Structures are given as structure tokens and as C-alpha cells.
Amino acid sequence: MIRRIRGKVLSVGLTSAVVEVAGFGIEVRMSGPETLSIGHEATLATYLAVKQDGMELYGFATDADRDFFELILSVSGVGTKTALSVMRRSSRDALVGAIGSRDLNYLTKVVGLGKKSAEKMLVELADKVGPQAHSDQDSEVFDTLVALGYTEREARKAVQDIPADVIGKDARLKASLSSTR
């Protein structure tokens, strides 16, 4: 199992990056490849998915992000593409909070999961992540942004970009609005 790679970033795409490791250009699928800079060295925690049609390597900025990706994969019926999509749409902390507090609204509206998938994730993961102090604030911020005319995609991105240290619905809404400018 390949658990970590380090090398020079050769290219960055929308959903992946190519990292040169020992002379090989290795494609690494990522939730946020735009954080990497071409020509700079990167160290990524990785998950190797072996499938019928080949192997795919998934990369993460931290071991904790990789571990959470693996936790999402433990949900029956959730594959690597869905797990990566979930992580692309929301921060790990926000997801852990939503799952821990069984916030179905957050997972369906902000993260974009279908109701059945979100329910399954809550049932299978809530006890594993434990109770969290997450509230409906981000769901309300998301709803407010959509009501103001933002697309769901723009609203998801704005909610995702809110710094973790911003507390309170009004402060989170203000931070999301400033990130959309």
C-alpha cells in the first residue's frame, strides 16, 4: 500500500495532479489539487485504490484527511469518487460535525448528497466520529446565500471557505459573503 509520496509537481488539473517520484510521473486524484504549485515539491498522504480496471492513487494534504476519506469509504455503497466529491464540497471538520450531530440537512444541501446516501452515512458513521458541537448554522448560511441569488455551487464554495474560527451564524454569513466577492 502506498501511504505517502513526495516529489516535484509536474502538472495540476481540475481533479488531479501529476507528481514526479523517482523519475515516474504519478497521477494523484485530489479534492483540492489547486493547492499545489507546479515546479514545487509536495508531500501527500495517499490512499491506493485497486479496482478491476486498474489502480488509482488519491492524495491528501494530511494524514487526518486521508483517514477521514477511508472512513467515508467504509459506508456501504460509497466509492472513491463519491468520497472524494464529499471532501471536495466541505471541510473535514464541518463534515465530522455534521455527521456527529446527525445533521441530514447539512449533508443534503451543503454537501450535495442524496437523502438516502446522507442517511446511510449518518447511520454508519455517527458513532465512529462521536457527538460534535456542530449546529445548523452552515445550513442556514447556505440557504441564505441561495435566497440571495447565488447558485448552489457558489453557495457551497462560500460555506466551505468560511474560516473555522468564525463563530455565530451572522459572522459566518458575513465571512461567506466576503469570500464570494
Protein backbone atom coordinates (compact mmCIF):
# COMPACT_ATOMS: atom_id res chain seq x y z
CA MET A 1 0.00 0.00 0.00
CA ILE A 2 1.36 3.42 -0.92
CA ARG A 3 0.66 5.70 2.08
CA ARG A 4 2.77 8.78 1.27
CA ILE A 5 4.54 10.32 -1.71
CA ARG A 6 6.87 13.26 -2.06
CA GLY A 7 8.07 14.82 -5.25
CA LYS A 8 8.02 17.71 -7.68
CA VAL A 9 4.60 18.74 -9.00
CA LEU A 10 4.65 18.44 -12.80
CA SER A 11 1.06 19.45 -13.58
CA VAL A 12 -2.19 20.35 -11.87
CA GLY A 13 -5.64 19.60 -13.30
CA LEU A 14 -9.19 20.08 -12.06
CA THR A 15 -9.35 16.80 -10.14
CA SER A 16 -5.78 15.55 -10.06
CA ALA A 17 -2.10 16.41 -10.15
CA VAL A 18 0.97 14.67 -11.54
CA VAL A 19 3.87 14.34 -9.11
CA GLU A 20 7.32 13.15 -10.17
CA VAL A 21 8.57 10.44 -7.80
CA ALA A 22 11.86 8.69 -8.55
CA GLY A 23 11.59 9.63 -12.23
CA PHE A 24 7.98 8.47 -12.61
CA GLY A 25 5.09 10.88 -13.20
CA ILE A 26 2.37 9.63 -10.85
CA GLU A 27 -1.19 10.88 -11.22
CA VAL A 28 -2.79 11.60 -7.86
CA ARG A 29 -6.52 12.28 -7.66
CA MET A 30 -7.30 15.02 -5.13
CA SER A 31 -10.19 17.02 -3.72
CA GLY A 32 -8.13 20.21 -3.94
CA PRO A 33 -5.28 19.95 -6.45
CA GLU A 34 -5.30 23.74 -6.89
CA THR A 35 -3.44 23.98 -3.57
CA LEU A 36 -0.33 22.56 -5.27
CA SER A 37 2.12 24.67 -7.26
CA ILE A 38 3.76 23.41 -10.45
CA GLY A 39 7.51 23.07 -10.03
CA HIS A 40 7.38 22.93 -6.22
CA GLU A 41 7.83 19.87 -4.04
CA ALA A 42 4.73 18.34 -2.46
CA THR A 43 4.25 15.71 0.21
CA LEU A 44 0.90 13.94 0.15
CA ALA A 45 -0.73 11.32 2.35
CA THR A 46 -2.15 8.77 -0.10
CA TYR A 47 -4.71 6.02 -0.49
CA LEU A 48 -4.25 3.39 -3.21
CA ALA A 49 -7.49 2.05 -4.67
CA VAL A 50 -7.12 -1.23 -6.51
CA LYS A 51 -10.04 -1.77 -8.87
CA GLN A 52 -10.97 -4.21 -11.59
CA ASP A 53 -9.95 -1.75 -14.29
CA GLY A 54 -6.70 -0.59 -12.68
CA MET A 55 -5.27 1.32 -9.76
CA GLU A 56 -5.86 4.92 -8.70
CA LEU A 57 -3.89 6.92 -6.17
CA TYR A 58 -5.72 9.52 -4.06
CA GLY A 59 -3.76 12.30 -2.35
CA PHE A 60 -4.46 14.41 0.74
CA ALA A 61 -2.71 17.27 2.49
CA THR A 62 -2.78 15.49 5.87
CA ASP A 63 -2.98 12.00 7.32
CA ALA A 64 -6.21 13.03 9.06
CA ASP A 65 -7.84 13.89 5.71
CA ARG A 66 -6.76 10.52 4.27
CA ASP A 67 -8.09 8.70 7.34
CA PHE A 68 -11.43 10.50 7.04
CA PHE A 69 -11.59 9.59 3.32
CA GLU A 70 -11.10 5.95 4.33
CA LEU A 71 -13.83 6.31 6.95
CA ILE A 72 -16.25 7.60 4.29
CA LEU A 73 -15.30 4.63 2.10
CA SER A 74 -16.38 2.28 4.90
CA VAL A 75 -20.01 3.30 4.27
CA SER A 76 -21.67 0.60 2.18
CA GLY A 77 -22.32 1.75 -1.36
CA VAL A 78 -19.89 4.69 -1.22
CA GLY A 79 -16.97 4.51 -3.62
CA THR A 80 -13.86 6.58 -4.13
CA LYS A 81 -15.50 9.10 -6.49
CA THR A 82 -18.33 9.83 -4.07
CA ALA A 83 -15.98 10.05 -1.09
CA LEU A 84 -13.70 12.46 -2.94
CA SER A 85 -16.69 14.55 -4.06
CA VAL A 86 -17.90 14.80 -0.46
CA MET A 87 -14.48 16.01 0.68
CA ARG A 88 -14.29 18.49 -2.19
CA ARG A 89 -17.53 20.18 -1.14
CA SER A 90 -16.89 20.65 2.58
CA SER A 91 -14.05 20.72 5.09
CA ARG A 92 -13.28 17.62 7.15
CA ASP A 93 -14.16 19.45 10.38
CA ALA A 94 -17.55 20.55 9.06
CA LEU A 95 -18.30 17.03 7.82
CA VAL A 96 -17.30 15.44 11.13
CA GLY A 97 -19.51 17.96 12.92
CA ALA A 98 -22.48 17.31 10.65
CA ILE A 99 -22.13 13.55 10.94
CA GLY A 100 -21.58 13.65 14.70
CA SER A 101 -24.70 15.75 15.22
CA ARG A 102 -26.66 13.76 12.61
CA ASP A 103 -27.32 16.89 10.54
CA LEU A 104 -29.07 15.44 7.49
CA ASN A 105 -29.88 18.94 6.22
CA TYR A 106 -26.18 19.88 6.01
CA LEU A 107 -25.21 16.70 4.15
CA THR A 108 -28.01 17.02 1.60
CA LYS A 109 -27.99 20.79 0.97
CA VAL A 110 -24.39 21.88 1.52
CA VAL A 111 -22.53 18.70 0.59
CA GLY A 112 -24.99 17.71 -2.13
CA LEU A 113 -25.57 14.08 -1.19
CA GLY A 114 -28.88 12.43 -1.97
CA LYS A 115 -31.16 11.84 1.01
CA LYS A 116 -30.63 8.07 1.08
CA SER A 117 -26.84 8.34 0.82
CA ALA A 118 -26.74 11.01 3.53
CA GLU A 119 -28.94 8.94 5.84
CA LYS A 120 -26.77 5.87 5.30
CA MET A 121 -23.65 7.91 6.06
CA LEU A 122 -25.19 9.25 9.28
CA VAL A 123 -26.27 5.79 10.44
CA GLU A 124 -22.94 4.12 9.69
CA LEU A 125 -20.56 6.89 10.78
CA ALA A 126 -22.22 8.89 13.59
CA ASP A 127 -20.97 6.55 16.33
CA LYS A 128 -17.48 6.41 14.78
CA VAL A 129 -16.97 10.18 14.78
CA GLY A 130 -18.77 10.81 18.08
CA PRO A 131 -21.01 13.69 19.05
CA GLN A 132 -19.89 17.11 17.87
CA ALA A 133 -20.89 20.67 18.67
CA HIS A 134 -21.99 21.31 15.06
CA SER A 135 -25.16 23.32 14.59
CA ASP A 136 -27.39 24.20 11.67
CA GLN A 137 -25.51 27.48 11.14
CA ASP A 138 -23.83 26.46 7.90
CA SER A 139 -27.10 25.06 6.53
CA GLU A 140 -28.78 28.39 7.28
CA VAL A 141 -25.89 30.33 5.72
CA PHE A 142 -26.17 28.10 2.62
CA ASP A 143 -29.95 28.70 2.41
CA THR A 144 -29.47 32.45 2.82
CA LEU A 145 -26.87 32.59 0.03
CA VAL A 146 -29.17 30.68 -2.32
CA ALA A 147 -32.05 33.02 -1.39
CA LEU A 148 -29.78 35.97 -2.25
CA GLY A 149 -29.35 34.58 -5.77
CA TYR A 150 -26.12 32.58 -5.53
CA THR A 151 -26.09 29.24 -7.32
CA GLU A 152 -25.89 26.13 -5.15
CA ARG A 153 -22.32 25.60 -6.32
CA GLU A 154 -21.30 29.16 -5.39
CA ALA A 155 -23.04 28.84 -2.02
CA ARG A 156 -21.28 25.51 -1.28
CA LYS A 157 -17.90 27.06 -2.11
CA ALA A 158 -18.59 30.12 0.05
CA VAL A 159 -19.62 27.97 3.04
CA GLN A 160 -16.56 25.77 2.57
CA ASP A 161 -14.28 28.83 2.55
CA ILE A 162 -15.50 30.15 5.92
CA PRO A 163 -12.59 30.02 8.39
CA ALA A 164 -13.13 27.51 11.22
CA ASP A 165 -12.55 30.17 13.89
CA VAL A 166 -15.56 32.25 12.76
CA ILE A 167 -18.39 31.53 15.20
CA GLY A 168 -22.05 32.50 15.04
CA LYS A 169 -24.49 32.43 12.15
CA ASP A 170 -24.27 36.16 11.37
CA ALA A 171 -20.47 36.17 11.48
CA ARG A 172 -20.34 33.04 9.27
CA LEU A 173 -22.75 34.63 6.79
CA LYS A 174 -20.66 37.81 6.66
CA ALA A 175 -17.48 35.75 6.12
CA SER A 176 -19.14 33.74 3.33
CA LEU A 177 -20.33 36.91 1.60
CA SER A 178 -16.85 38.43 1.75
CA SER A 179 -15.35 35.27 0.22
CA THR A 180 -17.69 35.47 -2.80
CA ARG A 181 -16.50 38.91 -3.89
